[in-house]
Amino acid sequence: ILGSMTGIYGIIRGTYGKGWAKQFMHRQPIMAFSCALGVTGMILPVVIVPMRRRLGLPTNQYDATFPGTVAPTIE
């Protein structure tokens, strides 16, 4: 995912030139915010699941076949 995002950034920067991101945010704020939400949505599973795993929290809904997966207990 990260490689794809940096590749897309490089292509866009080569096409539109320096400062395209600032112009995009100024001229199209709703589209810029939508892109930011989309990027955040792609990055969250990559960041949150390892954090939950280190904290010992349940991760079975994200990676049920991963060794060492913690499942929630029913009391």
Foldseek 3Di string as FASTA:
>chain_A
DVVVVVVVVVVVCVVPHPPPLVVCCVPPVVVNVVVVVVVCVVCCVVPVLVVCQVVLHADCVPCVPDPPGHHDDDD
